[in-house]
Amino acid sequence: MDMPTTSLSMEQQFKLQVLREEVKRLSQDQAQEYLLEVMRQNMVKENLFKYWMKKM
Protein backbone atom coordinates (compact mmCIF):
# COMPACT_ATOMS: atom_id res chain seq x y z
CA MET A 1 0.00 0.00 0.00
CA ASP A 2 1.34 3.42 -0.91
CA MET A 3 1.78 5.94 1.85
CA PRO A 4 -0.17 9.19 1.39
CA THR A 5 1.84 12.15 0.22
CA THR A 6 2.32 15.21 2.37
CA SER A 7 2.28 17.58 -0.60
CA LEU A 8 -0.90 19.42 -1.52
CA SER A 9 -2.81 19.18 -4.77
CA MET A 10 -3.25 22.30 -6.89
CA GLU A 11 -6.85 22.57 -5.65
CA GLN A 12 -5.72 22.33 -2.02
CA GLN A 13 -3.02 24.95 -2.60
CA PHE A 14 -5.64 27.28 -4.06
CA LYS A 15 -8.02 26.72 -1.13
CA LEU A 16 -5.16 27.37 1.29
CA GLN A 17 -4.34 30.66 -0.44
CA VAL A 18 -8.00 31.75 -0.30
CA LEU A 19 -8.11 30.85 3.38
CA ARG A 20 -4.86 32.74 4.00
CA GLU A 21 -6.46 35.90 2.58
CA GLU A 22 -9.66 35.41 4.61
CA VAL A 23 -7.74 34.89 7.86
CA LYS A 24 -5.87 38.17 7.34
CA ARG A 25 -9.21 39.99 7.74
CA LEU A 26 -10.05 38.38 11.09
CA SER A 27 -9.49 40.05 14.43
CA GLN A 28 -7.09 38.33 16.80
CA ASP A 29 -10.01 36.97 18.85
CA GLN A 30 -11.75 35.65 15.73
CA ALA A 31 -8.51 34.06 14.53
CA GLN A 32 -7.98 32.35 17.88
CA GLU A 33 -11.54 30.99 17.90
CA TYR A 34 -11.12 29.81 14.32
CA LEU A 35 -7.87 28.04 15.19
CA LEU A 36 -9.44 26.30 18.15
CA GLU A 37 -12.37 25.12 16.04
CA VAL A 38 -10.03 23.79 13.33
CA MET A 39 -8.01 21.95 15.98
CA ARG A 40 -11.22 20.48 17.49
CA GLN A 41 -12.35 19.27 14.07
CA ASN A 42 -8.93 17.74 13.45
CA MET A 43 -9.13 15.86 16.75
CA VAL A 44 -12.58 14.53 15.81
CA LYS A 45 -11.17 13.39 12.46
CA GLU A 46 -8.29 11.63 14.24
CA ASN A 47 -10.74 9.87 16.55
CA LEU A 48 -12.84 8.70 13.61
CA PHE A 49 -9.75 7.45 11.79
CA LYS A 50 -8.59 5.52 14.87
CA TYR A 51 -12.07 4.05 15.30
CA TRP A 52 -12.21 2.91 11.65
CA MET A 53 -8.72 1.42 11.87
CA LYS A 54 -9.74 -0.63 14.93
CA LYS A 55 -12.78 -1.93 13.05
CA MET A 56 -10.75 -3.17 10.10
PDB file of N, CA and C in Angstrom:
ATOM      1  N   MET A   1       0.839  -1.179   0.000  1.00  0.00           N
ATOM      2  CA  MET A   1       0.000   0.000   0.000  1.00  0.00           C
ATOM      3  C   MET A   1       0.885   1.244   0.000  1.00  0.00           C
ATOM      4  N   ASP A   2       0.566   2.183  -0.847  1.00  0.00           N
ATOM      5  CA  ASP A   2       1.337   3.420  -0.911  1.00  0.00           C
ATOM      6  C   ASP A   2       0.996   4.318   0.270  1.00  0.00           C
ATOM      7  N   MET A   3       1.998   4.977   0.780  1.00  0.00           N
ATOM      8  CA  MET A   3       1.778   5.941   1.846  1.00  0.00           C
ATOM      9  C   MET A   3       1.252   7.241   1.237  1.00  0.00           C
ATOM     10  N   PRO A   4       0.346   7.926   1.927  1.00  0.00           N
ATOM     11  CA  PRO A   4      -0.167   9.192   1.389  1.00  0.00           C
ATOM     12  C   PRO A   4       0.936  10.241   1.339  1.00  0.00           C
ATOM     13  N   THR A   5       0.829  11.106   0.368  1.00  0.00           N
ATOM     14  CA  THR A   5       1.837  12.153   0.221  1.00  0.00           C
ATOM     15  C   THR A   5       1.509  13.331   1.127  1.00  0.00           C
ATOM     16  N   THR A   6       2.521  14.043   1.522  1.00  0.00           N
ATOM     17  CA  THR A   6       2.315  15.212   2.367  1.00  0.00           C
ATOM     18  C   THR A   6       2.217  16.488   1.545  1.00  0.00           C
ATOM     19  N   SER A   7       2.412  16.391   0.240  1.00  0.00           N
ATOM     20  CA  SER A   7       2.282  17.580  -0.604  1.00  0.00           C
ATOM     21  C   SER A   7       0.807  17.815  -0.918  1.00  0.00           C
ATOM     22  N   LEU A   8       0.476  19.052  -1.236  1.00  0.00           N
ATOM     23  CA  LEU A   8      -0.899  19.421  -1.517  1.00  0.00           C
ATOM     24  C   LEU A   8      -1.167  19.427  -3.014  1.00  0.00           C
ATOM     25  N   SER A   9      -2.396  19.094  -3.368  1.00  0.00           N
ATOM     26  CA  SER A   9      -2.807  19.179  -4.767  1.00  0.00           C
ATOM     27  C   SER A   9      -2.939  20.653  -5.142  1.00  0.00           C
ATOM     28  N   MET A  10      -3.073  20.922  -6.430  1.00  0.00           N
ATOM     29  CA  MET A  10      -3.254  22.302  -6.888  1.00  0.00           C
ATOM     30  C   MET A  10      -4.528  22.897  -6.273  1.00  0.00           C
ATOM     31  N   GLU A  11      -5.584  22.103  -6.221  1.00  0.00           N
ATOM     32  CA  GLU A  11      -6.847  22.574  -5.646  1.00  0.00           C
ATOM     33  C   GLU A  11      -6.671  22.917  -4.169  1.00  0.00           C
ATOM     34  N   GLN A  12      -5.952  22.074  -3.437  1.00  0.00           N
ATOM     35  CA  GLN A  12      -5.719  22.330  -2.019  1.00  0.00           C
ATOM     36  C   GLN A  12      -4.854  23.571  -1.823  1.00  0.00           C
ATOM     37  N   GLN A  13      -3.871  23.754  -2.677  1.00  0.00           N
ATOM     38  CA  GLN A  13      -3.024  24.954  -2.597  1.00  0.00           C
ATOM     39  C   GLN A  13      -3.857  26.206  -2.818  1.00  0.00           C
ATOM     40  N   PHE A  14      -4.777  26.144  -3.787  1.00  0.00           N
ATOM     41  CA  PHE A  14      -5.641  27.284  -4.059  1.00  0.00           C
ATOM     42  C   PHE A  14      -6.536  27.577  -2.860  1.00  0.00           C
ATOM     43  N   LYS A  15      -7.156  26.537  -2.297  1.00  0.00           N
ATOM     44  CA  LYS A  15      -8.017  26.719  -1.134  1.00  0.00           C
ATOM     45  C   LYS A  15      -7.237  27.307   0.039  1.00  0.00           C
ATOM     46  N   LEU A  16      -5.998  26.856   0.212  1.00  0.00           N
ATOM     47  CA  LEU A  16      -5.163  27.370   1.290  1.00  0.00           C
ATOM     48  C   LEU A  16      -4.863  28.856   1.083  1.00  0.00           C
ATOM     49  N   GLN A  17      -4.607  29.254  -0.150  1.00  0.00           N
ATOM     50  CA  GLN A  17      -4.341  30.661  -0.444  1.00  0.00           C
ATOM     51  C   GLN A  17      -5.578  31.518  -0.179  1.00  0.00           C
ATOM     52  N   VAL A  18      -6.751  31.023  -0.572  1.00  0.00           N
ATOM     53  CA  VAL A  18      -8.004  31.749  -0.303  1.00  0.00           C
ATOM     54  C   VAL A  18      -8.193  31.894   1.205  1.00  0.00           C
ATOM     55  N   LEU A  19      -7.985  30.821   1.930  1.00  0.00           N
ATOM     56  CA  LEU A  19      -8.115  30.849   3.383  1.00  0.00           C
ATOM     57  C   LEU A  19      -7.117  31.822   4.010  1.00  0.00           C
ATOM     58  N   ARG A  20      -5.900  31.825   3.493  1.00  0.00           N
ATOM     59  CA  ARG A  20      -4.865  32.738   4.005  1.00  0.00           C
ATOM     60  C   ARG A  20      -5.342  34.188   3.906  1.00  0.00           C
ATOM     61  N   GLU A  21      -5.952  34.540   2.781  1.00  0.00           N
ATOM     62  CA  GLU A  21      -6.458  35.898   2.584  1.00  0.00           C
ATOM     63  C   GLU A  21      -7.629  36.193   3.518  1.00  0.00           C
ATOM     64  N   GLU A  22      -8.511  35.224   3.721  1.00  0.00           N
ATOM     65  CA  GLU A  22      -9.656  35.414   4.611  1.00  0.00           C
ATOM     66  C   GLU A  22      -9.211  35.598   6.061  1.00  0.00           C
ATOM     67  N   VAL A  23      -8.224  34.819   6.472  1.00  0.00           N
ATOM     68  CA  VAL A  23      -7.744  34.891   7.860  1.00  0.00           C
ATOM     69  C   VAL A  23      -7.109  36.251   8.147  1.00  0.00           C
ATOM     70  N   LYS A  24      -6.492  36.852   7.144  1.00  0.00           N
ATOM     71  CA  LYS A  24      -5.873  38.170   7.339  1.00  0.00           C
ATOM     72  C   LYS A  24      -6.898  39.205   7.783  1.00  0.00           C
ATOM     73  N   ARG A  25      -8.165  39.012   7.416  1.00  0.00           N
ATOM     74  CA  ARG A  25      -9.212  39.986   7.739  1.00  0.00           C
ATOM     75  C   ARG A  25      -9.851  39.746   9.109  1.00  0.00           C
ATOM     76  N   LEU A  26      -9.468  38.689   9.782  1.00  0.00           N
ATOM     77  CA  LEU A  26     -10.046  38.382  11.089  1.00  0.00           C
ATOM     78  C   LEU A  26      -9.351  39.166  12.190  1.00  0.00           C
ATOM     79  N   SER A  27     -10.106  39.468  13.239  1.00  0.00           N
ATOM     80  CA  SER A  27      -9.489  40.047  14.428  1.00  0.00           C
ATOM     81  C   SER A  27      -8.689  38.951  15.116  1.00  0.00           C
ATOM     82  N   GLN A  28      -7.880  39.330  16.080  1.00  0.00           N
ATOM     83  CA  GLN A  28      -7.093  38.333  16.803  1.00  0.00           C
ATOM     84  C   GLN A  28      -8.016  37.355  17.526  1.00  0.00           C
ATOM     85  N   ASP A  29      -9.076  37.860  18.152  1.00  0.00           N
ATOM     86  CA  ASP A  29     -10.013  36.971  18.848  1.00  0.00           C
ATOM     87  C   ASP A  29     -10.690  36.009  17.881  1.00  0.00           C
ATOM     88  N   GLN A  30     -11.118  36.509  16.724  1.00  0.00           N
ATOM     89  CA  GLN A  30     -11.753  35.651  15.726  1.00  0.00           C
ATOM     90  C   GLN A  30     -10.776  34.597  15.226  1.00  0.00           C
ATOM     91  N   ALA A  31      -9.530  34.990  15.007  1.00  0.00           N
ATOM     92  CA  ALA A  31      -8.512  34.056  14.526  1.00  0.00           C
ATOM     93  C   ALA A  31      -8.243  32.965  15.562  1.00  0.00           C
ATOM     94  N   GLN A  32      -8.206  33.335  16.833  1.00  0.00           N
ATOM     95  CA  GLN A  32      -7.978  32.351  17.885  1.00  0.00           C
ATOM     96  C   GLN A  32      -9.138  31.373  17.969  1.00  0.00           C
ATOM     97  N   GLU A  33     -10.369  31.871  17.883  1.00  0.00           N
ATOM     98  CA  GLU A  33     -11.538  30.991  17.904  1.00  0.00           C
ATOM     99  C   GLU A  33     -11.538  30.069  16.692  1.00  0.00           C
ATOM    100  N   TYR A  34     -11.176  30.609  15.543  1.00  0.00           N
ATOM    101  CA  TYR A  34     -11.120  29.813  14.325  1.00  0.00           C
ATOM    102  C   TYR A  34     -10.090  28.691  14.466  1.00  0.00           C
ATOM    103  N   LEU A  35      -8.921  29.033  14.980  1.00  0.00           N
ATOM    104  CA  LEU A  35      -7.866  28.041  15.186  1.00  0.00           C
ATOM    105  C   LEU A  35      -8.323  26.934  16.130  1.00  0.00           C
ATOM    106  N   LEU A  36      -8.962  27.311  17.205  1.00  0.00           N
ATOM    107  CA  LEU A  36      -9.440  26.303  18.153  1.00  0.00           C
ATOM    108  C   LEU A  36     -10.477  25.386  17.518  1.00  0.00           C
ATOM    109  N   GLU A  37     -11.361  25.938  16.697  1.00  0.00           N
ATOM    110  CA  GLU A  37     -12.371  25.117  16.038  1.00  0.00           C
ATOM    111  C   GLU A  37     -11.719  24.172  15.021  1.00  0.00           C
ATOM    112  N   VAL A  38     -10.740  24.647  14.287  1.00  0.00           N
ATOM    113  CA  VAL A  38     -10.025  23.790  13.335  1.00  0.00           C
ATOM    114  C   VAL A  38      -9.315  22.657  14.075  1.00  0.00           C
ATOM    115  N   MET A  39      -8.694  22.976  15.192  1.00  0.00           N
ATOM    116  CA  MET A  39      -8.014  21.947  15.981  1.00  0.00           C
ATOM    117  C   MET A  39      -9.020  20.929  16.526  1.00  0.00           C
ATOM    118  N   ARG A  40     -10.188  21.390  16.988  1.00  0.00           N
ATOM    119  CA  ARG A  40     -11.219  20.483  17.489  1.00  0.00           C
ATOM    120  C   ARG A  40     -11.682  19.535  16.383  1.00  0.00           C
ATOM    121  N   GLN A  41     -11.920  20.096  15.197  1.00  0.00           N
ATOM    122  CA  GLN A  41     -12.350  19.270  14.075  1.00  0.00           C
ATOM    123  C   GLN A  41     -11.276  18.247  13.685  1.00  0.00           C
ATOM    124  N   ASN A  42     -10.021  18.651  13.757  1.00  0.00           N
ATOM    125  CA  ASN A  42      -8.925  17.735  13.447  1.00  0.00           C
ATOM    126  C   ASN A  42      -8.869  16.593  14.457  1.00  0.00           C
ATOM    127  N   MET A  43      -9.114  16.905  15.717  1.00  0.00           N
ATOM    128  CA  MET A  43      -9.128  15.861  16.749  1.00  0.00           C
ATOM    129  C   MET A  43     -10.275  14.884  16.517  1.00  0.00           C
ATOM    130  N   VAL A  44     -11.438  15.396  16.134  1.00  0.00           N
ATOM    131  CA  VAL A  44     -12.577  14.527  15.812  1.00  0.00           C
ATOM    132  C   VAL A  44     -12.214  13.621  14.641  1.00  0.00           C
ATOM    133  N   LYS A  45     -11.580  14.185  13.626  1.00  0.00           N
ATOM    134  CA  LYS A  45     -11.167  13.394  12.456  1.00  0.00           C
ATOM    135  C   LYS A  45     -10.179  12.299  12.874  1.00  0.00           C
ATOM    136  N   GLU A  46      -9.237  12.631  13.737  1.00  0.00           N
ATOM    137  CA  GLU A  46      -8.289  11.627  14.239  1.00  0.00           C
ATOM    138  C   GLU A  46      -9.012  10.507  14.971  1.00  0.00           C
ATOM    139  N   ASN A  47      -9.984  10.873  15.802  1.00  0.00           N
ATOM    140  CA  ASN A  47     -10.743   9.871  16.553  1.00  0.00           C
ATOM    141  C   ASN A  47     -11.500   8.953  15.610  1.00  0.00           C
ATOM    142  N   LEU A  48     -12.119   9.505  14.583  1.00  0.00           N
ATOM    143  CA  LEU A  48     -12.840   8.695  13.606  1.00  0.00           C
ATOM    144  C   LEU A  48     -11.898   7.752  12.871  1.00  0.00           C
ATOM    145  N   PHE A  49     -10.739   8.262  12.487  1.00  0.00           N
ATOM    146  CA  PHE A  49      -9.752   7.447  11.787  1.00  0.00           C
ATOM    147  C   PHE A  49      -9.303   6.282  12.668  1.00  0.00           C
ATOM    148  N   LYS A  50      -9.006   6.570  13.934  1.00  0.00           N
ATOM    149  CA  LYS A  50      -8.590   5.522  14.868  1.00  0.00           C
ATOM    150  C   LYS A  50      -9.698   4.487  15.048  1.00  0.00           C
ATOM    151  N   TYR A  51     -10.938   4.952  15.148  1.00  0.00           N
ATOM    152  CA  TYR A  51     -12.070   4.054  15.298  1.00  0.00           C
ATOM    153  C   TYR A  51     -12.180   3.128  14.092  1.00  0.00           C
ATOM    154  N   TRP A  52     -12.100   3.715  12.889  1.00  0.00           N
ATOM    155  CA  TRP A  52     -12.208   2.912  11.654  1.00  0.00           C
ATOM    156  C   TRP A  52     -11.067   1.917  11.528  1.00  0.00           C
ATOM    157  N   MET A  53      -9.874   2.329  11.949  1.00  0.00           N
ATOM    158  CA  MET A  53      -8.720   1.423  11.866  1.00  0.00           C
ATOM    159  C   MET A  53      -8.904   0.235  12.818  1.00  0.00           C
ATOM    160  N   LYS A  54      -9.479   0.457  13.977  1.00  0.00           N
ATOM    161  CA  LYS A  54      -9.736  -0.631  14.929  1.00  0.00           C
ATOM    162  C   LYS A  54     -10.763  -1.609  14.374  1.00  0.00           C
ATOM    163  N   LYS A  55     -11.716  -1.098  13.592  1.00  0.00           N
ATOM    164  CA  LYS A  55     -12.783  -1.925  13.049  1.00  0.00           C
ATOM    165  C   LYS A  55     -12.335  -2.752  11.846  1.00  0.00           C
ATOM    166  N   MET A  56     -11.203  -2.440  11.294  1.00  0.00           N
ATOM    167  CA  MET A  56     -10.746  -3.172  10.105  1.00  0.00           C
ATOM    168  C   MET A  56     -10.112  -4.488  10.472  1.00  0.00           C
TER     169      MET A  56
END
